[in-house]
PDB file of all heavy atoms in Angstrom:
ATOM      1  N   ALA A   1      11.178 -31.963   3.662  1.00  0.00           N
ATOM      2  CA  ALA A   1      10.308 -30.843   4.048  1.00  0.00           C
ATOM      3  C   ALA A   1      11.029 -29.514   3.889  1.00  0.00           C
ATOM      4  O   ALA A   1      10.425 -28.512   3.486  1.00  0.00           O
ATOM      5  CB  ALA A   1       9.837 -31.020   5.492  1.00  0.00           C
ATOM      6  N   GLY A   2      12.336 -29.497   4.179  1.00  0.00           N
ATOM      7  CA  GLY A   2      13.105 -28.272   4.002  1.00  0.00           C
ATOM      8  C   GLY A   2      13.175 -27.851   2.544  1.00  0.00           C
ATOM      9  O   GLY A   2      13.089 -26.653   2.224  1.00  0.00           O
ATOM     10  N   VAL A   3      13.309 -28.824   1.637  1.00  0.00           N
ATOM     11  CA  VAL A   3      13.314 -28.507   0.204  1.00  0.00           C
ATOM     12  C   VAL A   3      11.963 -27.967  -0.220  1.00  0.00           C
ATOM     13  O   VAL A   3      11.868 -26.977  -0.970  1.00  0.00           O
ATOM     14  CB  VAL A   3      13.693 -29.762  -0.612  1.00  0.00           C
ATOM     15  CG1 VAL A   3      13.541 -29.497  -2.106  1.00  0.00           C
ATOM     16  CG2 VAL A   3      15.126 -30.185  -0.305  1.00  0.00           C
ATOM     17  N   THR A   4      10.895 -28.598   0.269  1.00  0.00           N
ATOM     18  CA  THR A   4       9.548 -28.125  -0.067  1.00  0.00           C
ATOM     19  C   THR A   4       9.310 -26.714   0.440  1.00  0.00           C
ATOM     20  O   THR A   4       8.781 -25.845  -0.271  1.00  0.00           O
ATOM     21  CB  THR A   4       8.498 -29.080   0.524  1.00  0.00           C
ATOM     22  OG1 THR A   4       8.717 -30.402   0.007  1.00  0.00           O
ATOM     23  CG2 THR A   4       7.092 -28.629   0.166  1.00  0.00           C
ATOM     24  N   ARG A   5       9.735 -26.463   1.682  1.00  0.00           N
ATOM     25  CA  ARG A   5       9.542 -25.141   2.281  1.00  0.00           C
ATOM     26  C   ARG A   5      10.340 -24.075   1.527  1.00  0.00           C
ATOM     27  O   ARG A   5       9.864 -22.949   1.315  1.00  0.00           O
ATOM     28  CB  ARG A   5       9.970 -25.172   3.744  1.00  0.00           C
ATOM     29  CG  ARG A   5       9.712 -23.857   4.490  1.00  0.00           C
ATOM     30  CD  ARG A   5      10.218 -23.918   5.916  1.00  0.00           C
ATOM     31  NE  ARG A   5       9.570 -24.969   6.685  1.00  0.00           N
ATOM     32  CZ  ARG A   5      10.173 -26.092   7.057  1.00  0.00           C
ATOM     33  NH1 ARG A   5      11.451 -26.305   6.745  1.00  0.00           N
ATOM     34  NH2 ARG A   5       9.525 -27.013   7.738  1.00  0.00           N
ATOM     35  N   ALA A   6      11.553 -24.419   1.100  1.00  0.00           N
ATOM     36  CA  ALA A   6      12.391 -23.437   0.411  1.00  0.00           C
ATOM     37  C   ALA A   6      11.812 -23.038  -0.943  1.00  0.00           C
ATOM     38  O   ALA A   6      12.052 -21.929  -1.427  1.00  0.00           O
ATOM     39  CB  ALA A   6      13.798 -23.996   0.224  1.00  0.00           C
ATOM     40  N   GLY A   7      11.036 -23.921  -1.553  1.00  0.00           N
ATOM     41  CA  GLY A   7      10.476 -23.615  -2.861  1.00  0.00           C
ATOM     42  C   GLY A   7       9.158 -22.869  -2.827  1.00  0.00           C
ATOM     43  O   GLY A   7       8.623 -22.524  -3.890  1.00  0.00           O
ATOM     44  N   LEU A   8       8.621 -22.605  -1.647  1.00  0.00           N
ATOM     45  CA  LEU A   8       7.326 -21.936  -1.533  1.00  0.00           C
ATOM     46  C   LEU A   8       7.478 -20.421  -1.463  1.00  0.00           C
ATOM     47  O   LEU A   8       8.459 -19.913  -0.914  1.00  0.00           O
ATOM     48  CB  LEU A   8       6.583 -22.424  -0.275  1.00  0.00           C
ATOM     49  CG  LEU A   8       6.225 -23.920  -0.231  1.00  0.00           C
ATOM     50  CD1 LEU A   8       5.589 -24.259   1.109  1.00  0.00           C
ATOM     51  CD2 LEU A   8       5.283 -24.303  -1.370  1.00  0.00           C
ATOM     52  N   LEU A   9       6.507 -19.722  -2.015  1.00  0.00           N
ATOM     53  CA  LEU A   9       6.445 -18.272  -1.867  1.00  0.00           C
ATOM     54  C   LEU A   9       5.859 -17.921  -0.509  1.00  0.00           C
ATOM     55  O   LEU A   9       5.096 -18.714   0.066  1.00  0.00           O
ATOM     56  CB  LEU A   9       5.588 -17.651  -2.974  1.00  0.00           C
ATOM     57  CG  LEU A   9       6.203 -17.586  -4.379  1.00  0.00           C
ATOM     58  CD1 LEU A   9       5.144 -17.159  -5.384  1.00  0.00           C
ATOM     59  CD2 LEU A   9       7.388 -16.638  -4.409  1.00  0.00           C
ATOM     60  N   PRO A  10       6.162 -16.731   0.030  1.00  0.00           N
ATOM     61  CA  PRO A  10       5.514 -16.303   1.279  1.00  0.00           C
ATOM     62  C   PRO A  10       4.000 -16.203   1.084  1.00  0.00           C
ATOM     63  O   PRO A  10       3.515 -15.910  -0.013  1.00  0.00           O
ATOM     64  CB  PRO A  10       6.136 -14.932   1.561  1.00  0.00           C
ATOM     65  CG  PRO A  10       7.408 -14.910   0.783  1.00  0.00           C
ATOM     66  CD  PRO A  10       7.166 -15.755  -0.434  1.00  0.00           C
ATOM     67  N   ASN A  11       3.255 -16.431   2.133  1.00  0.00           N
ATOM     68  CA  ASN A  11       1.801 -16.321   2.052  1.00  0.00           C
ATOM     69  C   ASN A  11       1.382 -14.863   1.826  1.00  0.00           C
ATOM     70  O   ASN A  11       2.002 -13.943   2.364  1.00  0.00           O
ATOM     71  CB  ASN A  11       1.149 -16.841   3.340  1.00  0.00           C
ATOM     72  CG  ASN A  11       1.260 -18.344   3.476  1.00  0.00           C
ATOM     73  OD1 ASN A  11       1.190 -19.068   2.487  1.00  0.00           O
ATOM     74  ND2 ASN A  11       1.446 -18.819   4.699  1.00  0.00           N
ATOM     75  N   PRO A  12       0.326 -14.655   1.017  1.00  0.00           N
ATOM     76  CA  PRO A  12      -0.176 -13.282   0.843  1.00  0.00           C
ATOM     77  C   PRO A  12      -0.819 -12.770   2.129  1.00  0.00           C
ATOM     78  O   PRO A  12      -1.209 -13.554   3.009  1.00  0.00           O
ATOM     79  CB  PRO A  12      -1.200 -13.432  -0.289  1.00  0.00           C
ATOM     80  CG  PRO A  12      -1.617 -14.857  -0.241  1.00  0.00           C
ATOM     81  CD  PRO A  12      -0.433 -15.639   0.227  1.00  0.00           C
ATOM     82  N   THR A  13      -0.907 -11.470   2.224  1.00  0.00           N
ATOM     83  CA  THR A  13      -1.470 -10.826   3.418  1.00  0.00           C
ATOM     84  C   THR A  13      -2.760 -10.110   3.044  1.00  0.00           C
ATOM     85  O   THR A  13      -2.809  -9.359   2.061  1.00  0.00           O
ATOM     86  CB  THR A  13      -0.476  -9.808   4.000  1.00  0.00           C
ATOM     87  OG1 THR A  13       0.746 -10.482   4.320  1.00  0.00           O
ATOM     88  CG2 THR A  13      -1.035  -9.137   5.248  1.00  0.00           C
ATOM     89  N   LEU A  14      -3.788 -10.339   3.829  1.00  0.00           N
ATOM     90  CA  LEU A  14      -5.086  -9.680   3.637  1.00  0.00           C
ATOM     91  C   LEU A  14      -5.220  -8.586   4.684  1.00  0.00           C
ATOM     92  O   LEU A  14      -5.091  -8.833   5.884  1.00  0.00           O
ATOM     93  CB  LEU A  14      -6.230 -10.693   3.770  1.00  0.00           C
ATOM     94  CG  LEU A  14      -7.655 -10.150   3.616  1.00  0.00           C
ATOM     95  CD1 LEU A  14      -7.871  -9.615   2.186  1.00  0.00           C
ATOM     96  CD2 LEU A  14      -8.680 -11.234   3.933  1.00  0.00           C
ATOM     97  N   ASP A  15      -5.488  -7.345   4.221  1.00  0.00           N
ATOM     98  CA  ASP A  15      -5.633  -6.196   5.118  1.00  0.00           C
ATOM     99  C   ASP A  15      -7.064  -5.669   5.044  1.00  0.00           C
ATOM    100  O   ASP A  15      -7.650  -5.549   3.953  1.00  0.00           O
ATOM    101  CB  ASP A  15      -4.677  -5.065   4.717  1.00  0.00           C
ATOM    102  CG  ASP A  15      -3.229  -5.490   4.830  1.00  0.00           C
ATOM    103  OD1 ASP A  15      -2.886  -6.120   5.843  1.00  0.00           O
ATOM    104  OD2 ASP A  15      -2.443  -5.206   3.895  1.00  0.00           O
ATOM    105  N   LEU A  16      -7.597  -5.339   6.201  1.00  0.00           N
ATOM    106  CA  LEU A  16      -8.935  -4.743   6.288  1.00  0.00           C
ATOM    107  C   LEU A  16      -8.828  -3.511   7.177  1.00  0.00           C
ATOM    108  O   LEU A  16      -8.333  -3.580   8.295  1.00  0.00           O
ATOM    109  CB  LEU A  16      -9.945  -5.739   6.863  1.00  0.00           C
ATOM    110  CG  LEU A  16     -11.381  -5.230   7.030  1.00  0.00           C
ATOM    111  CD1 LEU A  16     -11.990  -4.873   5.672  1.00  0.00           C
ATOM    112  CD2 LEU A  16     -12.241  -6.270   7.738  1.00  0.00           C
ATOM    113  N   GLU A  17      -9.304  -2.391   6.663  1.00  0.00           N
ATOM    114  CA  GLU A  17      -9.233  -1.128   7.406  1.00  0.00           C
ATOM    115  C   GLU A  17     -10.603  -0.459   7.359  1.00  0.00           C
ATOM    116  O   GLU A  17     -11.220  -0.357   6.291  1.00  0.00           O
ATOM    117  CB  GLU A  17      -8.189  -0.205   6.778  1.00  0.00           C
ATOM    118  CG  GLU A  17      -8.060   1.132   7.485  1.00  0.00           C
ATOM    119  CD  GLU A  17      -7.068   2.047   6.817  1.00  0.00           C
ATOM    120  OE1 GLU A  17      -6.207   1.552   6.052  1.00  0.00           O
ATOM    121  OE2 GLU A  17      -7.165   3.274   7.021  1.00  0.00           O
ATOM    122  N   ALA A  18     -11.096  -0.037   8.505  1.00  0.00           N
ATOM    123  CA  ALA A  18     -12.395   0.638   8.587  1.00  0.00           C
ATOM    124  C   ALA A  18     -12.251   1.890   9.448  1.00  0.00           C
ATOM    125  O   ALA A  18     -11.530   1.885  10.461  1.00  0.00           O
ATOM    126  CB  ALA A  18     -13.463  -0.293   9.166  1.00  0.00           C
ATOM    127  N   GLY A  19     -12.933   2.980   9.067  1.00  0.00           N
ATOM    128  CA  GLY A  19     -12.882   4.215   9.830  1.00  0.00           C
ATOM    129  C   GLY A  19     -14.263   4.867   9.918  1.00  0.00           C
ATOM    130  O   GLY A  19     -15.111   4.678   9.038  1.00  0.00           O
ATOM    131  N   THR A  20     -14.506   5.619  10.992  1.00  0.00           N
ATOM    132  CA  THR A  20     -15.795   6.295  11.191  1.00  0.00           C
ATOM    133  C   THR A  20     -15.547   7.682  11.792  1.00  0.00           C
ATOM    134  O   THR A  20     -14.586   7.882  12.547  1.00  0.00           O
ATOM    135  CB  THR A  20     -16.717   5.467  12.099  1.00  0.00           C
ATOM    136  OG1 THR A  20     -17.944   6.182  12.289  1.00  0.00           O
ATOM    137  CG2 THR A  20     -16.074   5.217  13.458  1.00  0.00           C
ATOM    138  N   GLY A  21     -16.430   8.608  11.455  1.00  0.00           N
ATOM    139  CA  GLY A  21     -16.350   9.949  12.008  1.00  0.00           C
ATOM    140  C   GLY A  21     -17.246  10.161  13.196  1.00  0.00           C
ATOM    141  O   GLY A  21     -17.413  11.296  13.666  1.00  0.00           O
ATOM    142  N   ALA A  22     -17.883   9.115  13.703  1.00  0.00           N
ATOM    143  CA  ALA A  22     -18.826   9.249  14.815  1.00  0.00           C
ATOM    144  C   ALA A  22     -18.165   9.809  16.058  1.00  0.00           C
ATOM    145  O   ALA A  22     -18.772  10.546  16.837  1.00  0.00           O
ATOM    146  CB  ALA A  22     -19.460   7.893  15.117  1.00  0.00           C
ATOM    147  N   LEU A  23     -16.895   9.473  16.252  1.00  0.00           N
ATOM    148  CA  LEU A  23     -16.213   9.940  17.458  1.00  0.00           C
ATOM    149  C   LEU A  23     -15.737  11.378  17.336  1.00  0.00           C
ATOM    150  O   LEU A  23     -15.340  11.988  18.331  1.00  0.00           O
ATOM    151  CB  LEU A  23     -15.011   9.025  17.748  1.00  0.00           C
ATOM    152  CG  LEU A  23     -15.349   7.553  18.007  1.00  0.00           C
ATOM    153  CD1 LEU A  23     -14.082   6.752  18.234  1.00  0.00           C
ATOM    154  CD2 LEU A  23     -16.284   7.415  19.206  1.00  0.00           C
ATOM    155  N   THR A  24     -15.779  11.930  16.137  1.00  0.00           N
ATOM    156  CA  THR A  24     -15.314  13.315  15.925  1.00  0.00           C
ATOM    157  C   THR A  24     -16.461  14.239  15.496  1.00  0.00           C
ATOM    158  O   THR A  24     -16.221  15.346  15.002  1.00  0.00           O
ATOM    159  CB  THR A  24     -14.219  13.328  14.856  1.00  0.00           C
ATOM    160  OG1 THR A  24     -14.726  12.785  13.636  1.00  0.00           O
ATOM    161  CG2 THR A  24     -13.002  12.525  15.314  1.00  0.00           C
ATOM    162  N   GLY A  25     -17.693  13.763  15.658  1.00  0.00           N
ATOM    163  CA  GLY A  25     -18.856  14.597  15.333  1.00  0.00           C
ATOM    164  C   GLY A  25     -19.293  14.538  13.885  1.00  0.00           C
ATOM    165  O   GLY A  25     -20.172  15.300  13.471  1.00  0.00           O
TER     166      GLY A  25
END
């Protein structure tokens, strides 16, 4: 399992960002 783990790439990261102007008028 250690050999298998060492050969793997890090998992990709999914980012989600949302913004609104409702709070600033």
